[in-house]
Amino acid sequence: MEEGRGGFQKIPRPESWHLGAPAPWEGMEYRDFTLDVLESAISGYNSRTLSDQTKERRRSAVLIPIYYSAQNGLHLILTRRSAMMKHHTHEVSFPGGNQEPEDQDLWATAIREAHEEIGLDPELPRLVGTLDSFITVGSNSLVTPFVAILDSVPALKANPMEVEEIIDIPLTELLDPNIYREEVWQWQDGRSRPVYFFELIGDTVWGATASMLRQFLLVLFSMEQTKQF
């Protein structure tokens, strides 16, 4: 791994684990992904939506905001969570949170949370599709990831109560197979499952956010997928 990559996030790695498969996109021919290519791939993806009849389970949404730069192509916007947050401090995530009673739907939740966390203009994101919904292990929330295009470079400002830093990452960096890692963790019940990592400069993206990033790239490349979460 390149020097300087990776952060100081606490990884609760079990005693029994081993390296998994390399990046699925390793060795694939790179093409210049445009907003049109992105929109076609995401809008054409038939995302898996979990059916859940448990009224006690919270509904949450995250926003995956993407814009195009003439210099570096497609960019994704993530955040590093503030030390003032009760859970997952300093971890890298997409803007998002729990659905509130005033939210008309989960898309409204994603837009509201992005505005609150990073000052994203609610009128700027344009919904192009969703990735697979999933249930978080810790909080038992049903999460829906929304992919949105920003038709201009956004003016953003982090809310220090929630966000320590806004992370603007070019897609070309995420496609570097050397920053991707898969580990297979064995749990106490004997089951094993893959856990994904992206080692950015100064940050480690792992867990649910890394799984969403991985699935996003697989959809973009029109590659077959297995269960991500």
Protein backbone atom coordinates (compact mmCIF):
# COMPACT_ATOMS: atom_id res chain seq x y z
CA MET A 1 0.00 0.00 0.00
CA GLU A 2 1.24 3.47 -0.88
CA GLU A 3 2.78 5.41 2.01
CA GLY A 4 0.36 7.89 3.55
CA ARG A 5 -2.73 5.87 2.73
CA GLY A 6 -5.09 4.74 5.46
CA GLY A 7 -6.42 6.50 8.53
CA PHE A 8 -6.52 6.01 12.28
CA GLN A 9 -10.00 4.50 12.35
CA LYS A 10 -10.38 1.66 14.85
CA ILE A 11 -10.96 -1.57 12.94
CA PRO A 12 -12.54 -4.29 15.16
CA ARG A 13 -10.76 -7.05 13.28
CA PRO A 14 -11.35 -10.54 14.79
CA GLU A 15 -8.50 -12.89 15.60
CA SER A 16 -9.40 -15.17 12.73
CA TRP A 17 -9.33 -13.50 9.31
CA HIS A 18 -7.57 -13.72 5.97
CA LEU A 19 -7.21 -11.70 2.80
CA GLY A 20 -9.96 -12.13 0.26
CA ALA A 21 -10.23 -11.54 -3.48
CA PRO A 22 -8.54 -8.66 -5.33
CA ALA A 23 -10.49 -5.70 -6.70
CA PRO A 24 -13.15 -7.05 -9.10
CA TRP A 25 -12.26 -4.30 -11.58
CA GLU A 26 -8.53 -5.10 -11.52
CA GLY A 27 -7.22 -5.54 -15.06
CA MET A 28 -10.38 -4.19 -16.68
CA GLU A 29 -9.96 -1.64 -19.40
CA TYR A 30 -10.55 1.82 -17.99
CA ARG A 31 -12.90 4.12 -19.83
CA ASP A 32 -13.64 7.78 -19.34
CA PHE A 33 -16.79 7.69 -17.24
CA THR A 34 -19.06 10.66 -17.89
CA LEU A 35 -22.24 11.77 -16.14
CA ASP A 36 -24.26 10.26 -19.01
CA VAL A 37 -22.52 6.89 -18.59
CA LEU A 38 -23.06 7.08 -14.84
CA GLU A 39 -26.74 7.95 -15.15
CA SER A 40 -27.36 5.17 -17.66
CA ALA A 41 -25.67 2.55 -15.47
CA ILE A 42 -27.30 3.56 -12.17
CA SER A 43 -30.78 4.22 -13.54
CA GLY A 44 -30.70 0.86 -15.32
CA TYR A 45 -29.77 -1.06 -12.18
CA ASN A 46 -32.62 -2.99 -10.56
CA SER A 47 -31.71 -2.50 -6.91
CA ARG A 48 -32.69 -5.03 -4.27
CA THR A 49 -35.12 -3.57 -1.77
CA LEU A 50 -35.54 -5.45 1.48
CA SER A 51 -39.13 -6.08 2.51
CA ASP A 52 -39.47 -5.30 6.18
CA GLN A 53 -42.64 -5.46 8.25
CA THR A 54 -40.93 -4.57 11.53
CA LYS A 55 -42.35 -1.19 12.52
CA GLU A 56 -39.79 -0.80 15.30
CA ARG A 57 -36.87 -0.79 12.86
CA ARG A 58 -35.69 2.68 11.92
CA ARG A 59 -35.54 3.77 8.28
CA SER A 60 -32.48 5.64 7.15
CA ALA A 61 -31.12 7.06 3.91
CA VAL A 62 -27.73 8.09 2.62
CA LEU A 63 -26.88 10.31 -0.33
CA ILE A 64 -24.07 9.47 -2.76
CA PRO A 65 -23.47 12.88 -4.41
CA ILE A 66 -21.47 12.92 -7.65
CA TYR A 67 -20.35 15.78 -9.88
CA TYR A 68 -18.12 16.17 -12.92
CA SER A 69 -14.91 18.18 -13.08
CA ALA A 70 -13.23 19.00 -16.39
CA GLN A 71 -9.85 18.36 -14.77
CA ASN A 72 -10.43 15.07 -12.94
CA GLY A 73 -13.73 13.68 -14.24
CA LEU A 74 -16.28 12.27 -11.81
CA HIS A 75 -16.00 13.09 -8.10
CA LEU A 76 -17.79 11.54 -5.11
CA ILE A 77 -18.42 13.40 -1.87
CA LEU A 78 -17.95 11.68 1.48
CA THR A 79 -17.52 12.92 5.03
CA ARG A 80 -15.42 12.11 8.06
CA ARG A 81 -17.66 12.01 11.10
CA SER A 82 -17.02 14.45 13.92
CA ALA A 83 -15.51 13.42 17.25
CA MET A 84 -18.64 14.94 18.83
CA MET A 85 -20.85 12.21 17.38
CA LYS A 86 -21.93 9.46 19.79
CA HIS A 87 -21.15 6.61 17.41
CA HIS A 88 -18.62 5.86 14.65
CA THR A 89 -16.48 8.91 15.39
CA HIS A 90 -13.88 9.78 12.73
CA GLU A 91 -15.28 7.15 10.37
CA VAL A 92 -15.78 7.97 6.69
CA SER A 93 -19.35 7.87 5.46
CA PHE A 94 -21.79 9.37 3.00
CA PRO A 95 -24.16 12.12 4.19
CA GLY A 96 -27.27 10.56 5.67
CA GLY A 97 -29.27 9.63 8.72
CA ASN A 98 -32.59 8.53 10.14
CA GLN A 99 -35.95 9.39 8.62
CA GLU A 100 -37.83 12.06 10.55
CA PRO A 101 -41.64 12.50 10.74
CA GLU A 102 -41.49 15.65 8.60
CA ASP A 103 -39.71 13.84 5.75
CA GLN A 104 -42.07 13.09 2.89
CA ASP A 105 -40.04 10.04 1.90
CA LEU A 106 -36.53 8.60 2.20
CA TRP A 107 -35.25 10.73 -0.69
CA ALA A 108 -36.31 13.77 1.35
CA THR A 109 -34.39 12.29 4.30
CA ALA A 110 -31.22 11.99 2.23
CA ILE A 111 -31.53 15.57 0.92
CA ARG A 112 -32.24 17.01 4.36
CA GLU A 113 -29.34 15.20 5.98
CA ALA A 114 -26.91 16.31 3.26
CA HIS A 115 -28.01 19.89 3.73
CA GLU A 116 -27.62 19.66 7.51
CA GLU A 117 -24.23 17.91 7.41
CA ILE A 118 -22.38 19.57 4.53
CA GLY A 119 -24.58 22.51 3.48
CA LEU A 120 -25.53 20.93 0.13
CA ASP A 121 -28.16 23.02 -1.67
CA PRO A 122 -31.35 20.87 -1.59
CA GLU A 123 -32.16 21.97 -5.13
CA LEU A 124 -28.88 20.72 -6.59
CA PRO A 125 -29.05 16.88 -6.30
CA ARG A 126 -30.84 15.06 -9.10
CA LEU A 127 -31.85 11.49 -8.27
CA VAL A 128 -30.64 8.90 -10.79
CA GLY A 129 -31.20 5.66 -8.87
CA THR A 130 -30.61 3.59 -5.75
CA LEU A 131 -28.23 0.87 -4.66
CA ASP A 132 -29.33 -2.17 -2.65
CA SER A 133 -30.96 -1.42 0.70
CA PHE A 134 -29.41 -3.09 3.73
CA ILE A 135 -29.78 -3.45 7.50
CA THR A 136 -26.97 -2.10 9.66
CA VAL A 137 -25.44 -4.55 12.11
CA GLY A 138 -25.11 -2.16 15.05
CA SER A 139 -28.19 0.08 14.93
CA ASN A 140 -30.52 -2.36 13.13
CA SER A 141 -31.62 0.37 10.69
CA LEU A 142 -32.95 -0.29 7.19
CA VAL A 143 -30.82 1.94 4.95
CA THR A 144 -31.49 3.03 1.37
CA PRO A 145 -28.56 4.53 -0.60
CA PHE A 146 -29.57 7.18 -3.18
CA VAL A 147 -27.22 8.10 -6.03
CA ALA A 148 -27.55 11.72 -7.12
CA ILE A 149 -25.91 13.84 -9.80
CA LEU A 150 -24.92 17.42 -9.05
CA ASP A 151 -24.99 19.36 -12.32
CA SER A 152 -22.46 21.88 -11.02
CA VAL A 153 -19.57 21.88 -8.56
CA PRO A 154 -21.22 22.36 -5.14
CA ALA A 155 -20.33 24.98 -2.55
CA LEU A 156 -20.14 23.03 0.71
CA LYS A 157 -19.54 23.79 4.37
CA ALA A 158 -19.16 21.12 7.05
CA ASN A 159 -21.38 21.26 10.13
CA PRO A 160 -18.71 20.78 12.85
CA MET A 161 -21.21 19.11 15.17
CA GLU A 162 -21.54 16.22 12.71
CA VAL A 163 -18.73 16.42 10.16
CA GLU A 164 -15.01 16.75 10.83
CA GLU A 165 -14.08 17.05 7.16
CA ILE A 166 -15.68 16.88 3.72
CA ILE A 167 -13.83 14.40 1.50
CA ASP A 168 -13.90 15.05 -2.24
CA ILE A 169 -12.56 11.97 -4.00
CA PRO A 170 -12.05 11.54 -7.78
CA LEU A 171 -13.46 8.32 -9.22
CA THR A 172 -10.07 7.60 -10.81
CA GLU A 173 -8.56 7.20 -7.35
CA LEU A 174 -11.22 4.73 -6.26
CA LEU A 175 -10.54 2.69 -9.40
CA ASP A 176 -6.91 2.18 -8.41
CA PRO A 177 -6.90 -1.53 -7.43
CA ASN A 178 -3.99 -0.93 -5.04
CA ILE A 179 -6.16 1.02 -2.57
CA TYR A 180 -8.85 -1.68 -2.41
CA ARG A 181 -8.66 -4.62 -0.02
CA GLU A 182 -11.00 -7.45 0.85
CA GLU A 183 -10.71 -9.33 4.12
CA VAL A 184 -12.70 -12.38 5.16
CA TRP A 185 -13.64 -12.22 8.83
CA GLN A 186 -14.78 -15.21 10.86
CA TRP A 187 -17.38 -14.41 13.52
CA GLN A 188 -17.91 -16.13 16.85
CA ASP A 189 -20.80 -18.15 15.43
CA GLY A 190 -18.39 -19.66 12.92
CA ARG A 191 -19.74 -17.79 9.90
CA SER A 192 -17.40 -15.93 7.59
CA ARG A 193 -18.12 -12.87 5.49
CA PRO A 194 -16.10 -10.42 3.41
CA VAL A 195 -15.33 -6.93 4.69
CA TYR A 196 -14.18 -4.27 2.22
CA PHE A 197 -11.67 -1.43 2.54
CA PHE A 198 -10.56 1.57 0.47
CA GLU A 199 -7.30 3.08 1.73
CA LEU A 200 -7.44 6.78 0.81
CA ILE A 201 -4.78 9.33 1.59
CA GLY A 202 -5.20 9.85 5.33
CA ASP A 203 -8.41 7.83 5.66
CA THR A 204 -9.66 4.25 5.66
CA VAL A 205 -13.13 3.64 4.25
CA TRP A 206 -14.54 0.34 5.47
CA GLY A 207 -17.74 -1.37 6.58
CA ALA A 208 -21.07 -0.33 5.07
CA THR A 209 -19.63 2.72 3.28
CA ALA A 210 -16.95 0.63 1.58
CA SER A 211 -19.60 -1.92 0.60
CA MET A 212 -21.67 0.84 -1.00
CA LEU A 213 -18.60 2.16 -2.84
CA ARG A 214 -17.80 -1.34 -4.07
CA GLN A 215 -21.33 -1.91 -5.30
CA PHE A 216 -21.39 1.50 -6.97
CA LEU A 217 -18.26 0.60 -8.94
CA LEU A 218 -19.63 -2.83 -9.88
CA VAL A 219 -22.82 -1.24 -11.21
CA LEU A 220 -20.77 1.33 -13.11
CA PHE A 221 -18.76 -1.48 -14.73
CA SER A 222 -21.94 -3.55 -15.30
CA MET A 223 -20.39 -6.44 -13.40
CA GLU A 224 -22.27 -9.27 -11.71
CA GLN A 225 -22.61 -8.93 -7.96
CA THR A 226 -23.00 -11.03 -4.89
CA LYS A 227 -24.68 -9.96 -1.69
CA GLN A 228 -22.80 -6.94 -0.34
CA PHE A 229 -23.92 -6.53 3.27
